[in-house]
């Protein structure tokens, strides 16, 4: 007899789960849903903007295409394992990382999710709002102004927060619509711009932003890579609703194909950037260069895309910070983070250079998140995919002890590998003008920050868990894979009376 698929909650039903372990009876999602949310969350104008960077930085059309494909593929390969944790632990990736960083040390993942959420929520509202304003200026004849942009940003941002409050089921519905709707609308661009595209576009070697080809090519690929890498802290938010027995290959495939599908909006950005090369405002210039009928459709693309990217970014951070700050439930945490991000939108868009801000945030995300993902992946392999869901919730429930308590709640092995790898990456980074590390020119101007951060994290973490073995009880019944372990009793789980009284109260009433 086959198992009955758990019923999905209504989209208008406010999600009740926080970062607690999702029970098997509520695991109503499939790998296809993981594909839809990833692709829908990236099938937007925010991704289109990232696709314009290779051309803006001075690459020819086909050089830009090559840099874009390279960035998406490499980023997808690094990202793929991050969808494996949610079904096993029943919680998000930040909490799951407690298995390798300690139940308190997992706040590293919370910080990374906050950084990513603010960046991509802001980018989505910025670019979607600008597209709507640009279309209104052309089609309705209204005057562009900071006030108009602020109002549009506020409307888009508020709608995103409302959807986030309803939760996972509503978010899944939005992304289902965006996967189909925005893909069709973007592909119509081939008809709208037919005859206008210059397939031989090449501004020449003097246009390279970093002086020569390879440094500019690598920078372009790294900026594109920031999009798949940005999903690393969030995949568990959605995969936790997938049954634990799901085959890993299906989860890996869902992530790989979702990221490859993002080449649709990326390449739209690459090709259309050549139409408006040299213009100060890509979005407004593109709308002015579009046929009137497609300018109207771009409003729809911008609106749907802004919702999708903003929702997928903000949902996970509100979810996670409701556990870091126990005074706040998921809804309250989402409102706080959304309000903070909206202030950042106004200040960043109206007072600073948008492209420089995006460049810097993408650089920080790639450099800091990638080594965290590498440590998580290595940990998954040596632990043979064995995790104790209840022990991961110790910190969230105002308790102490369990398999992942390590040293006062922190696994210093993971922390000692991540901190120097992130610092080393920043020292070698070259994301001008805001992030320019002192060693950025050691490879002839080619940015090797990603290689440095990945290599440092992998070597340091493997060496640490070999020289300083982890306790035998963190591994499964088959023991560790390829690394030693030590014997010893597992700390008993008890209430932590030094924790917030809100956590203790929550633990006492469960």
Protein backbone atom coordinates (compact mmCIF):
# COMPACT_ATOMS: atom_id res chain seq x y z
CA UNK A 1 0.00 0.00 0.00
CA UNK A 2 1.41 3.41 -0.93
CA UNK A 3 1.71 6.22 1.57
CA UNK A 4 -0.74 9.07 1.34
CA UNK A 5 0.85 12.44 0.51
CA UNK A 6 0.24 14.87 3.41
CA UNK A 7 -2.34 17.51 2.56
CA UNK A 8 -1.02 20.99 1.79
CA UNK A 9 -2.26 23.83 3.99
CA UNK A 10 -4.44 26.51 2.40
CA UNK A 11 -2.50 29.41 0.92
CA UNK A 12 -4.51 31.84 3.06
CA UNK A 13 -3.62 29.95 6.23
CA UNK A 14 -0.82 31.65 8.21
CA UNK A 15 2.05 29.21 8.65
CA UNK A 16 2.42 28.05 12.25
CA UNK A 17 5.85 26.42 12.09
CA UNK A 18 8.97 28.34 13.05
CA UNK A 19 12.36 26.65 12.98
CA UNK A 20 11.02 23.70 14.94
CA UNK A 21 11.38 20.24 13.42
CA UNK A 22 8.70 19.68 10.77
CA UNK A 23 6.82 16.44 11.63
CA UNK A 24 6.51 13.76 8.97
CA UNK A 25 2.76 14.35 8.75
CA UNK A 26 3.40 17.91 7.53
CA UNK A 27 6.02 17.03 4.88
CA UNK A 28 3.82 17.87 1.89
CA UNK A 29 6.47 19.06 -0.60
CA UNK A 30 8.45 17.35 -3.35
CA UNK A 31 11.78 18.02 -5.09
CA UNK A 32 9.74 19.70 -7.85
CA UNK A 33 8.66 22.31 -5.31
CA UNK A 34 12.31 22.90 -4.42
CA UNK A 35 12.97 23.48 -8.12
CA UNK A 36 10.04 25.88 -8.44
CA UNK A 37 10.97 28.01 -5.46
CA UNK A 38 14.60 28.35 -6.53
CA UNK A 39 13.84 29.10 -10.16
CA UNK A 40 10.87 31.31 -9.32
CA UNK A 41 12.92 33.22 -6.77
CA UNK A 42 15.58 33.94 -9.39
CA UNK A 43 13.41 34.33 -12.49
CA UNK A 44 13.22 38.04 -11.86
CA UNK A 45 14.53 41.49 -12.72
CA UNK A 46 17.04 41.20 -9.87
CA UNK A 47 18.70 38.35 -11.77
CA UNK A 48 18.39 40.29 -15.01
CA UNK A 49 20.34 43.13 -13.41
CA UNK A 50 23.11 40.73 -12.37
CA UNK A 51 23.18 39.53 -15.97
CA UNK A 52 23.95 43.04 -17.20
CA UNK A 53 27.16 43.30 -15.15
CA UNK A 54 29.44 41.41 -17.57
CA UNK A 55 28.49 43.83 -20.37
CA UNK A 56 28.67 46.86 -18.08
CA UNK A 57 32.18 45.76 -17.06
CA UNK A 58 33.26 45.85 -20.70
CA UNK A 59 33.02 42.28 -22.01
CA UNK A 60 31.82 41.57 -25.53
CA UNK A 61 28.48 39.83 -25.96
CA UNK A 62 29.86 36.31 -26.24
CA UNK A 63 32.49 36.86 -23.56
CA UNK A 64 29.65 37.97 -21.29
CA UNK A 65 27.63 34.87 -22.18
CA UNK A 66 30.62 32.65 -21.33
CA UNK A 67 31.21 34.42 -18.00
CA UNK A 68 27.51 34.10 -17.13
CA UNK A 69 27.32 30.39 -17.91
CA UNK A 70 30.53 29.74 -15.97
CA UNK A 71 29.26 31.63 -12.94
CA UNK A 72 25.90 29.83 -12.91
CA UNK A 73 27.39 26.34 -13.37
CA UNK A 74 30.14 26.68 -10.76
CA UNK A 75 27.75 28.33 -8.30
CA UNK A 76 25.18 25.56 -8.83
CA UNK A 77 27.73 22.83 -8.17
CA UNK A 78 28.74 24.44 -4.87
CA UNK A 79 25.09 25.01 -3.92
CA UNK A 80 23.70 21.54 -4.69
CA UNK A 81 24.50 19.80 -1.36
CA UNK A 82 22.74 22.53 0.63
CA UNK A 83 19.35 21.09 -0.29
CA UNK A 84 20.17 17.80 1.45
CA UNK A 85 19.98 19.00 5.06
CA UNK A 86 16.33 20.09 5.35
CA UNK A 87 14.72 16.66 4.78
CA UNK A 88 17.14 15.03 7.26
CA UNK A 89 16.86 17.60 10.05
CA UNK A 90 13.36 18.98 9.43
CA UNK A 91 14.60 22.53 9.97
CA UNK A 92 16.39 25.32 8.12
CA UNK A 93 20.08 25.30 7.15
CA UNK A 94 21.16 27.78 9.81
CA UNK A 95 19.83 25.52 12.57
CA UNK A 96 21.13 22.42 10.75
CA UNK A 97 24.60 23.97 10.72
CA UNK A 98 24.58 23.56 14.51
CA UNK A 99 25.71 19.98 13.86
CA UNK A 100 29.03 21.35 12.58
CA UNK A 101 29.32 24.74 14.28
CA UNK A 102 27.54 23.95 17.55
CA UNK A 103 23.99 24.85 18.52
CA UNK A 104 25.15 28.34 19.50
CA UNK A 105 27.80 28.64 16.80
CA UNK A 106 25.09 28.22 14.20
CA UNK A 107 24.42 31.97 14.52
CA UNK A 108 27.07 32.23 11.78
CA UNK A 109 24.43 30.84 9.42
CA UNK A 110 21.87 33.26 10.82
CA UNK A 111 24.21 36.18 10.11
CA UNK A 112 24.81 34.98 6.55
CA UNK A 113 21.09 34.59 5.92
CA UNK A 114 20.49 38.12 7.23
CA UNK A 115 23.19 39.56 4.95
CA UNK A 116 21.77 37.71 1.95
CA UNK A 117 18.16 38.57 2.74
CA UNK A 118 18.80 42.29 3.05
CA UNK A 119 20.85 42.31 -0.14
CA UNK A 120 18.42 40.42 -2.38
CA UNK A 121 15.23 41.81 -0.84
CA UNK A 122 16.65 45.28 -1.44
CA UNK A 123 17.82 44.50 -4.99
CA UNK A 124 14.45 42.99 -5.90
CA UNK A 125 12.48 46.00 -4.64
CA UNK A 126 14.97 48.46 -6.14
CA UNK A 127 15.00 47.07 -9.66
CA UNK A 128 11.34 46.08 -9.76
CA UNK A 129 10.31 49.48 -8.46
CA UNK A 130 12.52 51.24 -10.99
CA UNK A 131 11.02 49.17 -13.79
CA UNK A 132 7.49 50.08 -12.73
CA UNK A 133 8.43 53.76 -12.44
CA UNK A 134 10.16 53.72 -15.83
CA UNK A 135 7.09 52.20 -17.46
CA UNK A 136 4.77 54.72 -15.77
CA UNK A 137 6.94 57.61 -16.97
CA UNK A 138 6.83 56.38 -20.56
CA UNK A 139 3.28 55.06 -20.77
CA UNK A 140 1.38 57.38 -18.42
CA UNK A 141 3.50 60.49 -18.79
CA UNK A 142 4.04 60.96 -15.04
CA UNK A 143 7.13 62.77 -13.79
CA UNK A 144 9.93 60.70 -12.28
CA UNK A 145 10.86 61.70 -8.74
CA UNK A 146 12.34 60.32 -5.53
CA UNK A 147 8.87 60.54 -3.97
CA UNK A 148 7.31 58.41 -6.70
CA UNK A 149 10.08 55.82 -6.41
CA UNK A 150 9.74 55.77 -2.63
CA UNK A 151 5.99 55.13 -2.88
CA UNK A 152 6.46 52.32 -5.40
CA UNK A 153 9.22 50.76 -3.27
CA UNK A 154 6.93 50.91 -0.24
CA UNK A 155 4.03 49.22 -2.04
CA UNK A 156 6.19 46.41 -3.41
CA UNK A 157 7.97 45.94 -0.09
CA UNK A 158 4.70 45.81 1.84
CA UNK A 159 3.17 43.21 -0.48
CA UNK A 160 6.28 41.04 -0.06
CA UNK A 161 6.00 41.22 3.73
CA UNK A 162 2.30 40.27 3.61
CA UNK A 163 3.07 37.14 1.57
CA UNK A 164 5.96 36.25 3.89
CA UNK A 165 3.64 36.48 6.89
CA UNK A 166 1.29 33.94 5.35
CA UNK A 167 4.26 31.66 4.91
CA UNK A 168 5.48 28.72 2.89
CA UNK A 169 2.27 27.67 1.11
CA UNK A 170 1.54 31.19 -0.19
CA UNK A 171 5.19 31.60 -1.20
CA UNK A 172 5.06 28.34 -3.14
CA UNK A 173 1.96 29.54 -5.04
CA UNK A 174 3.64 32.83 -6.01
CA UNK A 175 6.72 31.01 -7.27
CA UNK A 176 4.63 28.57 -9.30
CA UNK A 177 3.12 31.54 -11.12
CA UNK A 178 6.49 33.22 -11.63
CA UNK A 179 8.15 30.08 -13.02
CA UNK A 180 5.68 29.95 -15.91
CA UNK A 181 4.58 33.57 -16.26
CA UNK A 182 7.93 35.33 -16.13
CA UNK A 183 9.62 32.73 -18.30
CA UNK A 184 7.07 33.28 -21.09
CA UNK A 185 7.23 37.06 -20.73
CA UNK A 186 11.03 37.10 -20.79
CA UNK A 187 11.16 34.81 -23.83
CA UNK A 188 8.82 37.23 -25.62
CA UNK A 189 11.75 39.63 -25.45
CA UNK A 190 13.26 37.75 -28.39
CA UNK A 191 10.31 38.98 -30.45
CA UNK A 192 10.31 42.47 -28.97
CA UNK A 193 13.99 43.10 -29.68
CA UNK A 194 14.34 41.12 -32.91
CA UNK A 195 16.32 43.09 -35.44
CA UNK A 196 17.78 45.37 -32.74
CA UNK A 197 20.31 43.01 -31.18
CA UNK A 198 23.92 43.22 -32.34
CA UNK A 199 25.24 39.68 -32.01
CA UNK A 200 28.72 40.96 -32.77
CA UNK A 201 28.72 43.53 -29.97
CA UNK A 202 32.28 44.16 -28.79
CA UNK A 203 33.34 47.44 -27.19
CA UNK A 204 37.02 46.46 -27.52
CA UNK A 205 39.81 45.83 -25.00
CA UNK A 206 39.89 49.46 -23.86
CA UNK A 207 36.46 48.94 -22.24
CA UNK A 208 37.55 46.28 -19.74
CA UNK A 209 36.71 47.63 -16.29
CA UNK A 210 39.79 46.04 -14.70
CA UNK A 211 42.12 46.86 -17.57
CA UNK A 212 42.52 43.43 -19.15
CA UNK A 213 40.32 40.49 -20.14
CA UNK A 214 40.86 37.81 -17.49
CA UNK A 215 40.47 39.98 -14.38
CA UNK A 216 37.26 41.43 -15.87
CA UNK A 217 35.99 38.00 -16.96
CA UNK A 218 36.56 36.46 -13.52
CA UNK A 219 34.94 39.40 -11.73
CA UNK A 220 31.90 39.07 -14.01
CA UNK A 221 31.62 35.33 -13.33
CA UNK A 222 31.91 35.89 -9.57
CA UNK A 223 29.12 38.48 -9.60
CA UNK A 224 26.88 36.03 -11.47
CA UNK A 225 27.90 33.26 -9.06
CA UNK A 226 26.58 35.34 -6.20
CA UNK A 227 23.04 34.44 -7.26
CA UNK A 228 23.23 30.65 -6.77
CA UNK A 229 25.47 31.04 -3.73
CA UNK A 230 22.86 33.33 -2.16
CA UNK A 231 20.47 30.36 -1.92
CA UNK A 232 22.88 28.42 0.31
CA UNK A 233 21.51 29.66 3.62
CA UNK A 234 17.89 29.27 2.46
CA UNK A 235 17.48 25.87 0.76
CA UNK A 236 16.66 24.21 4.07
CA UNK A 237 13.78 26.65 4.58
CA UNK A 238 11.96 24.88 1.77
CA UNK A 239 13.49 21.39 1.65
CA UNK A 240 12.50 20.81 5.32
CA UNK A 241 8.96 20.20 4.05
CA UNK A 242 10.21 17.31 1.86
CA UNK A 243 10.02 13.77 3.34
CA UNK A 244 13.26 12.50 4.90
CA UNK A 245 13.25 9.35 2.76
CA UNK A 246 13.58 11.33 -0.49
CA UNK A 247 16.58 10.17 -2.52
CA UNK A 248 19.51 12.63 -2.36
CA UNK A 249 19.98 12.49 -6.13
CA UNK A 250 16.50 13.97 -6.63
CA UNK A 251 17.30 16.85 -4.29
CA UNK A 252 20.65 17.47 -5.96
CA UNK A 253 19.00 17.40 -9.38
CA UNK A 254 16.27 19.83 -8.35
CA UNK A 255 18.85 22.41 -7.31
CA UNK A 256 21.10 21.89 -10.32
CA UNK A 257 18.32 22.21 -12.89
CA UNK A 258 16.73 25.16 -11.07
CA UNK A 259 19.99 27.09 -11.23
CA UNK A 260 20.60 26.16 -14.86
CA UNK A 261 17.09 27.43 -15.62
CA UNK A 262 18.11 30.85 -14.26
CA UNK A 263 20.12 31.29 -17.44
CA UNK A 264 16.81 32.53 -18.91
CA UNK A 265 16.76 35.82 -16.95
CA UNK A 266 20.56 36.03 -16.84
CA UNK A 267 20.96 35.88 -20.60
CA UNK A 268 18.04 38.28 -21.04
CA UNK A 269 20.13 40.73 -19.02
CA UNK A 270 23.27 40.02 -21.04
CA UNK A 271 21.65 40.49 -24.45
CA UNK A 272 19.53 43.52 -23.57
CA UNK A 273 22.48 45.24 -21.86
CA UNK A 274 24.09 45.53 -25.28
CA UNK A 275 21.06 47.50 -26.51
CA UNK A 276 21.51 50.23 -23.91
CA UNK A 277 25.27 50.09 -23.32
CA UNK A 278 26.56 53.38 -21.94
CA UNK A 279 23.22 54.47 -20.46
CA UNK A 280 23.28 55.43 -16.78
CA UNK A 281 20.02 53.68 -15.87
CA UNK A 282 19.67 50.29 -17.55
CA UNK A 283 16.02 49.75 -16.59
CA UNK A 284 14.70 53.11 -17.76
CA UNK A 285 16.80 52.93 -20.93
CA UNK A 286 15.54 49.43 -21.73
CA UNK A 287 11.90 50.45 -21.29
CA UNK A 288 12.45 53.41 -23.61
CA UNK A 289 14.05 51.09 -26.17
CA UNK A 290 11.17 48.59 -25.98
CA UNK A 291 8.04 48.51 -28.15
CA UNK A 292 5.09 49.94 -26.21
CA UNK A 293 3.39 46.54 -25.89
CA UNK A 294 6.50 45.00 -24.32
CA UNK A 295 7.04 47.96 -22.01
CA UNK A 296 3.65 47.09 -20.50
CA UNK A 297 4.70 43.45 -20.08
CA UNK A 298 7.90 44.53 -18.37
CA UNK A 299 5.76 45.98 -15.57
CA UNK A 300 4.28 42.52 -15.03
CA UNK A 301 7.73 40.90 -15.13
CA UNK A 302 9.03 43.44 -12.63
CA UNK A 303 6.07 43.10 -10.28
CA UNK A 304 5.99 39.29 -10.22
CA UNK A 305 9.77 39.07 -10.04
CA UNK A 306 10.00 41.57 -7.22
CA UNK A 307 7.50 39.55 -5.21
CA UNK A 308 9.27 36.26 -5.83
CA UNK A 309 12.84 37.33 -5.01
CA UNK A 310 11.77 39.41 -2.04
CA UNK A 311 9.67 36.61 -0.58
CA UNK A 312 12.30 33.89 -0.90
CA UNK A 313 14.91 36.18 0.68
CA UNK A 314 12.88 37.57 3.55
CA UNK A 315 11.02 34.39 4.52
CA UNK A 316 14.07 32.47 5.69
CA UNK A 317 15.59 35.28 7.71
CA UNK A 318 12.38 36.03 9.57
CA UNK A 319 12.09 32.32 10.24
CA UNK A 320 15.61 32.05 11.64
CA UNK A 321 15.76 35.22 13.70
CA UNK A 322 12.60 34.27 15.54
CA UNK A 323 14.81 31.68 17.25
CA UNK A 324 17.83 33.91 17.81
CA UNK A 325 15.59 36.57 19.39
CA UNK A 326 12.92 34.56 21.26
CA UNK A 327 10.84 37.63 22.09
CA UNK A 328 9.85 37.59 18.43
CA UNK A 329 7.74 34.97 16.67
CA UNK A 330 8.18 34.28 12.95
CA UNK A 331 5.73 37.00 11.90
CA UNK A 332 7.23 39.66 14.19
CA UNK A 333 10.78 38.79 13.14
CA UNK A 334 9.78 39.06 9.47
CA UNK A 335 8.26 42.50 10.08
CA UNK A 336 11.41 43.71 11.85
CA UNK A 337 13.80 42.44 9.17
CA UNK A 338 11.53 43.75 6.41
CA UNK A 339 11.44 47.21 8.00
CA UNK A 340 15.23 47.24 8.38
CA UNK A 341 15.66 46.22 4.75
CA UNK A 342 13.25 48.91 3.57
CA UNK A 343 15.29 51.60 5.33
CA UNK A 344 18.36 50.19 3.61
CA UNK A 345 16.52 50.37 0.28
CA UNK A 346 15.74 54.06 0.66
CA UNK A 347 19.21 55.01 1.87
CA UNK A 348 21.07 52.77 -0.57
CA UNK A 349 19.01 53.68 -3.64
CA UNK A 350 18.59 57.38 -3.09
CA UNK A 351 21.91 58.23 -1.42
CA UNK A 352 24.45 55.80 -2.90
CA UNK A 353 25.44 54.27 -6.22
CA UNK A 354 23.20 51.25 -6.86
CA UNK A 355 25.69 49.24 -8.91
CA UNK A 356 28.52 49.76 -6.41
CA UNK A 357 26.24 48.70 -3.56
CA UNK A 358 25.09 45.56 -5.40
CA UNK A 359 28.67 44.69 -6.35
CA UNK A 360 29.87 44.99 -2.75
CA UNK A 361 27.02 42.96 -1.27
CA UNK A 362 27.40 40.20 -3.85
CA UNK A 363 31.13 40.05 -3.09
CA UNK A 364 30.55 39.78 0.64
CA UNK A 365 27.94 37.04 0.15
CA UNK A 366 30.17 34.94 -2.12
CA UNK A 367 33.26 35.27 0.06
CA UNK A 368 31.58 34.65 3.42
CA UNK A 369 28.90 32.10 2.48
CA UNK A 370 30.91 29.79 0.21
CA UNK A 371 33.38 28.55 2.90
CA UNK A 372 30.43 28.01 5.28
CA UNK A 373 28.82 25.83 2.61
CA UNK A 374 32.07 23.92 2.04
CA UNK A 375 32.35 23.14 5.76
CA UNK A 376 28.72 22.00 5.84
CA UNK A 377 29.27 19.74 2.82
CA UNK A 378 32.42 18.14 4.23
CA UNK A 379 30.60 17.63 7.53
CA UNK A 380 27.71 15.94 5.72
CA UNK A 381 30.13 13.51 4.05
CA UNK A 382 32.15 12.55 7.14
CA UNK A 383 28.97 12.22 9.23
CA UNK A 384 27.45 9.90 6.59
CA UNK A 385 24.38 12.18 6.48
CA UNK A 386 23.56 11.33 10.10
CA UNK A 387 21.86 14.07 12.16
CA UNK A 388 19.90 14.22 15.42
CA UNK A 389 16.97 16.63 14.79
CA UNK A 390 16.01 16.93 18.47
CA UNK A 391 19.57 17.80 19.53
CA UNK A 392 19.72 20.59 16.94
CA UNK A 393 16.81 22.33 18.69
CA UNK A 394 18.51 22.57 22.11
CA UNK A 395 19.47 26.26 21.86
CA UNK A 396 16.08 27.23 20.41
CA UNK A 397 14.25 25.62 23.34
CA UNK A 398 16.31 27.21 26.10
CA UNK A 399 18.27 24.05 26.89
CA UNK A 400 21.86 22.88 26.92
CA UNK A 401 23.64 19.60 26.23
CA UNK A 402 23.02 17.00 23.56
CA UNK A 403 25.18 15.77 20.72
CA UNK A 404 25.96 19.22 19.33
CA UNK A 405 26.77 21.10 22.52
CA UNK A 406 30.55 20.66 22.03
CA UNK A 407 32.25 23.50 24.01
CA UNK A 408 29.56 25.71 25.58
CA UNK A 409 27.42 25.29 22.47
CA UNK A 410 30.18 26.07 19.94
CA UNK A 411 32.12 23.59 17.81
CA UNK A 412 35.36 25.52 17.57
CA UNK A 413 36.58 23.28 14.73
CA UNK A 414 33.99 24.67 12.32
CA UNK A 415 34.41 28.21 13.59
CA UNK A 416 38.23 28.02 13.41
CA UNK A 417 37.93 26.95 9.76
CA UNK A 418 35.27 29.48 8.69
CA UNK A 419 36.62 32.69 10.27
CA UNK A 420 40.11 32.66 8.66
CA UNK A 421 38.69 31.49 5.31
CA UNK A 422 36.26 34.42 5.17
CA UNK A 423 38.97 36.88 6.22
CA UNK A 424 41.44 35.45 3.70
CA UNK A 425 38.85 35.73 0.94
CA UNK A 426 38.22 39.39 1.74
CA UNK A 427 41.96 40.11 1.70
CA UNK A 428 42.21 38.79 -1.87
CA UNK A 429 38.86 40.15 -3.10
CA UNK A 430 38.46 42.69 -5.87
CA UNK A 431 34.89 44.01 -6.06
CA UNK A 432 35.55 47.69 -6.82
CA UNK A 433 35.04 50.27 -5.59
CA UNK A 434 33.85 49.21 -2.12
CA UNK A 435 35.69 45.88 -1.59
CA UNK A 436 39.33 45.99 -2.69
CA UNK A 437 41.56 43.68 -0.65
CA UNK A 438 45.28 44.45 -0.19
CA UNK A 439 46.26 41.25 -2.04
CA UNK A 440 43.82 41.65 -4.94
CA UNK A 441 46.61 42.01 -7.51
CA UNK A 442 48.75 38.99 -6.59
CA UNK A 443 47.41 37.03 -9.58
CA UNK A 444 47.81 39.82 -12.10
CA UNK A 445 44.53 41.44 -11.15
CA UNK A 446 42.51 38.20 -11.41
CA UNK A 447 40.23 37.79 -8.38
CA UNK A 448 41.25 34.55 -6.64
CA UNK A 449 39.29 35.29 -3.45
CA UNK A 450 36.88 32.39 -4.01
CA UNK A 451 39.69 29.89 -4.53
CA UNK A 452 41.44 31.20 -1.43
CA UNK A 453 38.34 31.04 0.77
CA UNK A 454 37.30 27.57 -0.47
CA UNK A 455 40.81 26.15 -0.17
CA UNK A 456 41.36 27.62 3.27
CA UNK A 457 38.03 26.34 4.57
CA UNK A 458 38.44 22.82 3.16
CA UNK A 459 42.05 22.31 4.28
CA UNK A 460 41.57 23.90 7.70
CA UNK A 461 38.36 22.00 8.52
CA UNK A 462 39.67 18.60 7.43
CA UNK A 463 42.91 19.13 9.35
CA UNK A 464 41.04 20.21 12.49
CA UNK A 465 38.64 17.26 12.57
CA UNK A 466 41.58 14.87 11.97
CA UNK A 467 43.96 16.37 14.54
CA UNK A 468 41.18 17.14 17.04
CA UNK A 469 38.62 14.35 16.46
CA UNK A 470 34.95 14.96 17.17
CA UNK A 471 33.02 12.80 19.69
CA UNK A 472 31.87 9.39 18.47
CA UNK A 473 28.25 10.17 19.33
CA UNK A 474 27.91 12.86 16.63
CA UNK A 475 28.37 10.16 13.99
CA UNK A 476 25.86 7.56 12.93
CA UNK A 477 25.83 3.86 13.75
CA UNK A 478 28.41 3.19 10.99
CA UNK A 479 30.86 5.67 12.50
CA UNK A 480 32.77 8.47 10.79
CA UNK A 481 33.84 8.34 7.16
CA UNK A 482 37.57 8.86 6.67
CA UNK A 483 38.24 10.71 9.95
CA UNK A 484 38.92 9.57 13.54
CA UNK A 485 36.63 10.07 16.52
CA UNK A 486 36.94 10.07 20.31
CA UNK A 487 34.93 8.21 22.94
CA UNK A 488 33.06 9.94 25.73
CA UNK A 489 29.60 10.41 27.22
CA UNK A 490 27.11 12.69 25.44
CA UNK A 491 26.09 15.69 27.58
CA UNK A 492 22.61 15.34 29.03
CA UNK A 493 19.99 17.75 27.71
CA UNK A 494 18.77 19.99 30.54
CA UNK A 495 17.05 23.36 30.86
CA UNK A 496 19.49 26.25 30.62
CA UNK A 497 18.36 28.68 33.30
CA UNK A 498 20.82 31.31 32.05
CA UNK A 499 18.96 31.44 28.75
CA UNK A 500 16.19 33.88 28.02
CA UNK A 501 13.20 33.19 30.23
CA UNK A 502 11.15 33.18 27.03
CA UNK A 503 13.02 30.13 25.77
CA UNK A 504 12.70 28.38 29.11
CA UNK A 505 8.97 29.15 29.19
CA UNK A 506 8.57 27.79 25.66
CA UNK A 507 10.44 24.62 26.58
CA UNK A 508 8.37 24.13 29.74
CA UNK A 509 5.05 24.34 27.93
CA UNK A 510 5.88 21.90 25.12
